[in-house]
Amino acid sequence: MAAQTPIGAALYTHFGLNSVDYETNILVESGRAWLKSEGSIRIFERLGFPWSLVTVARLLPRPIRDWLYEIIARNRLRWFGARETCYLPDPSEADRFIG
């Protein structure tokens, strides 16, 4: 969900996050917000093999992981391209998304 939506803005406020400088990826899990590299690692972990192999990145200290995360986040559209339209889940996946 976009941070600019009412639910997104409420989540930013609830977790005390900067509502002007948006994080590129936030995972809310069991009432806790996971940011940057840890949020991404947790997402990959739940995708199963082979994606779960990304968890080996936890061997790196968090400041280094977050630095690498920020490099990827800044360059992701240039490296991986952008979509013309937003992703819309099919009805079988709808319960995995908020809003």
C-alpha atoms as a PDB file:
ATOM      1  CA  MET A   1       0.000   0.000   0.000  1.00  0.00           C
ATOM      2  CA  ALA A   2       1.210   3.501  -0.704  1.00  0.00           C
ATOM      3  CA  ALA A   3       2.408   5.635   2.184  1.00  0.00           C
ATOM      4  CA  GLN A   4       0.280   8.485   0.836  1.00  0.00           C
ATOM      5  CA  THR A   5      -3.002   6.614   1.495  1.00  0.00           C
ATOM      6  CA  PRO A   6      -4.876   7.220   4.760  1.00  0.00           C
ATOM      7  CA  ILE A   7      -3.889   3.753   6.046  1.00  0.00           C
ATOM      8  CA  GLY A   8      -0.269   4.291   4.990  1.00  0.00           C
ATOM      9  CA  ALA A   9      -0.121   7.683   6.706  1.00  0.00           C
ATOM     10  CA  ALA A  10      -1.634   6.172   9.869  1.00  0.00           C
ATOM     11  CA  LEU A  11       0.991   3.396   9.875  1.00  0.00           C
ATOM     12  CA  TYR A  12       3.818   5.931   9.473  1.00  0.00           C
ATOM     13  CA  THR A  13       2.431   7.917  12.407  1.00  0.00           C
ATOM     14  CA  HIS A  14       1.875   4.806  14.557  1.00  0.00           C
ATOM     15  CA  PHE A  15       5.436   3.553  14.080  1.00  0.00           C
ATOM     16  CA  GLY A  16       6.983   7.025  14.426  1.00  0.00           C
ATOM     17  CA  LEU A  17       8.381   7.057  10.895  1.00  0.00           C
ATOM     18  CA  ASN A  18       9.246  10.162   8.889  1.00  0.00           C
ATOM     19  CA  SER A  19       6.165  10.991   6.826  1.00  0.00           C
ATOM     20  CA  VAL A  20       8.150  13.163   4.410  1.00  0.00           C
ATOM     21  CA  ASP A  21      11.151  10.927   3.609  1.00  0.00           C
ATOM     22  CA  TYR A  22       9.362   7.661   2.875  1.00  0.00           C
ATOM     23  CA  GLU A  23      11.069   4.322   3.391  1.00  0.00           C
ATOM     24  CA  THR A  24      11.036   2.292   0.188  1.00  0.00           C
ATOM     25  CA  ASN A  25       9.978  -0.907   1.941  1.00  0.00           C
ATOM     26  CA  ILE A  26       8.321  -1.493   5.292  1.00  0.00           C
ATOM     27  CA  LEU A  27       7.159  -4.883   6.514  1.00  0.00           C
ATOM     28  CA  VAL A  28       4.579  -4.803   9.302  1.00  0.00           C
ATOM     29  CA  GLU A  29       4.603  -8.173  11.027  1.00  0.00           C
ATOM     30  CA  SER A  30       3.069  -9.093  14.377  1.00  0.00           C
ATOM     31  CA  GLY A  31       2.638  -5.430  15.277  1.00  0.00           C
ATOM     32  CA  ARG A  32       6.233  -4.499  14.531  1.00  0.00           C
ATOM     33  CA  ALA A  33       7.654  -2.541  11.593  1.00  0.00           C
ATOM     34  CA  TRP A  34      10.754  -3.946   9.917  1.00  0.00           C
ATOM     35  CA  LEU A  35      12.657  -1.462   7.752  1.00  0.00           C
ATOM     36  CA  LYS A  36      15.212  -1.553   4.981  1.00  0.00           C
ATOM     37  CA  SER A  37      17.348  -4.688   4.791  1.00  0.00           C
ATOM     38  CA  GLU A  38      15.683  -6.561   7.651  1.00  0.00           C
ATOM     39  CA  GLY A  39      12.209  -6.024   6.194  1.00  0.00           C
ATOM     40  CA  SER A  40      13.373  -7.266   2.811  1.00  0.00           C
ATOM     41  CA  ILE A  41      15.180 -10.287   4.251  1.00  0.00           C
ATOM     42  CA  ARG A  42      12.044 -11.261   6.184  1.00  0.00           C
ATOM     43  CA  ILE A  43       9.970 -11.021   3.013  1.00  0.00           C
ATOM     44  CA  PHE A  44      12.413 -13.183   1.043  1.00  0.00           C
ATOM     45  CA  GLU A  45      12.550 -15.650   3.947  1.00  0.00           C
ATOM     46  CA  ARG A  46       8.796 -16.238   3.657  1.00  0.00           C
ATOM     47  CA  LEU A  47       8.912 -16.748  -0.111  1.00  0.00           C
ATOM     48  CA  GLY A  48      10.619 -20.112   0.370  1.00  0.00           C
ATOM     49  CA  PHE A  49      13.492 -21.676  -1.503  1.00  0.00           C
ATOM     50  CA  PRO A  50      15.450 -20.340  -3.424  1.00  0.00           C
ATOM     51  CA  TRP A  51      14.507 -16.817  -2.239  1.00  0.00           C
ATOM     52  CA  SER A  52      15.013 -17.755   1.414  1.00  0.00           C
ATOM     53  CA  LEU A  53      18.737 -18.082   0.726  1.00  0.00           C
ATOM     54  CA  VAL A  54      18.855 -14.286   1.012  1.00  0.00           C
ATOM     55  CA  THR A  55      18.800 -14.795   4.798  1.00  0.00           C
ATOM     56  CA  VAL A  56      22.547 -15.433   4.613  1.00  0.00           C
ATOM     57  CA  ALA A  57      22.803 -11.613   4.344  1.00  0.00           C
ATOM     58  CA  ARG A  58      22.156 -11.490   8.095  1.00  0.00           C
ATOM     59  CA  LEU A  59      25.803 -12.495   8.513  1.00  0.00           C
ATOM     60  CA  LEU A  60      26.656  -8.907   7.564  1.00  0.00           C
ATOM     61  CA  PRO A  61      26.341  -6.173  10.188  1.00  0.00           C
ATOM     62  CA  ARG A  62      23.054  -4.254   9.829  1.00  0.00           C
ATOM     63  CA  PRO A  63      24.722  -0.922   8.871  1.00  0.00           C
ATOM     64  CA  ILE A  64      26.408  -2.627   5.909  1.00  0.00           C
ATOM     65  CA  ARG A  65      23.181  -4.442   4.936  1.00  0.00           C
ATOM     66  CA  ASP A  66      21.221  -1.180   5.094  1.00  0.00           C
ATOM     67  CA  TRP A  67      23.876   0.637   3.055  1.00  0.00           C
ATOM     68  CA  LEU A  68      23.630  -2.056   0.358  1.00  0.00           C
ATOM     69  CA  TYR A  69      19.838  -1.917   0.583  1.00  0.00           C
ATOM     70  CA  GLU A  70      19.891   1.848  -0.031  1.00  0.00           C
ATOM     71  CA  ILE A  71      22.126   1.432  -3.090  1.00  0.00           C
ATOM     72  CA  ILE A  72      19.715  -1.144  -4.534  1.00  0.00           C
ATOM     73  CA  ALA A  73      16.655   0.961  -3.632  1.00  0.00           C
ATOM     74  CA  ARG A  74      18.121   4.058  -5.329  1.00  0.00           C
ATOM     75  CA  ASN A  75      18.988   2.176  -8.504  1.00  0.00           C
ATOM     76  CA  ARG A  76      16.214  -0.433  -8.735  1.00  0.00           C
ATOM     77  CA  LEU A  77      14.253   1.224 -11.525  1.00  0.00           C
ATOM     78  CA  ARG A  78      17.365   1.754 -13.636  1.00  0.00           C
ATOM     79  CA  TRP A  79      18.570  -1.830 -13.075  1.00  0.00           C
ATOM     80  CA  PHE A  80      15.281  -3.730 -13.155  1.00  0.00           C
ATOM     81  CA  GLY A  81      12.968  -1.389 -15.065  1.00  0.00           C
ATOM     82  CA  ALA A  82       9.582   0.039 -14.215  1.00  0.00           C
ATOM     83  CA  ARG A  83       6.089  -1.203 -14.971  1.00  0.00           C
ATOM     84  CA  GLU A  84       3.615   0.823 -16.992  1.00  0.00           C
ATOM     85  CA  THR A  85       0.809  -0.133 -14.613  1.00  0.00           C
ATOM     86  CA  CYS A  86       0.566  -1.070 -10.951  1.00  0.00           C
ATOM     87  CA  TYR A  87       0.464  -4.740 -10.010  1.00  0.00           C
ATOM     88  CA  LEU A  88      -3.044  -5.935  -9.203  1.00  0.00           C
ATOM     89  CA  PRO A  89      -3.288  -9.262  -7.391  1.00  0.00           C
ATOM     90  CA  ASP A  90      -5.722 -11.840  -8.672  1.00  0.00           C
ATOM     91  CA  PRO A  91      -8.582 -12.726  -6.293  1.00  0.00           C
ATOM     92  CA  SER A  92      -6.721 -15.760  -4.899  1.00  0.00           C
ATOM     93  CA  GLU A  93      -3.949 -13.439  -3.589  1.00  0.00           C
ATOM     94  CA  ALA A  94      -6.121 -10.499  -2.491  1.00  0.00           C
ATOM     95  CA  ASP A  95      -6.027 -11.466   1.196  1.00  0.00           C
ATOM     96  CA  ARG A  96      -2.244 -10.923   1.214  1.00  0.00           C
ATOM     97  CA  PHE A  97      -2.574  -7.200   0.487  1.00  0.00           C
ATOM     98  CA  ILE A  98      -3.902  -4.255   2.507  1.00  0.00           C
ATOM     99  CA  GLY A  99      -6.104  -1.709   0.762  1.00  0.00           C
END
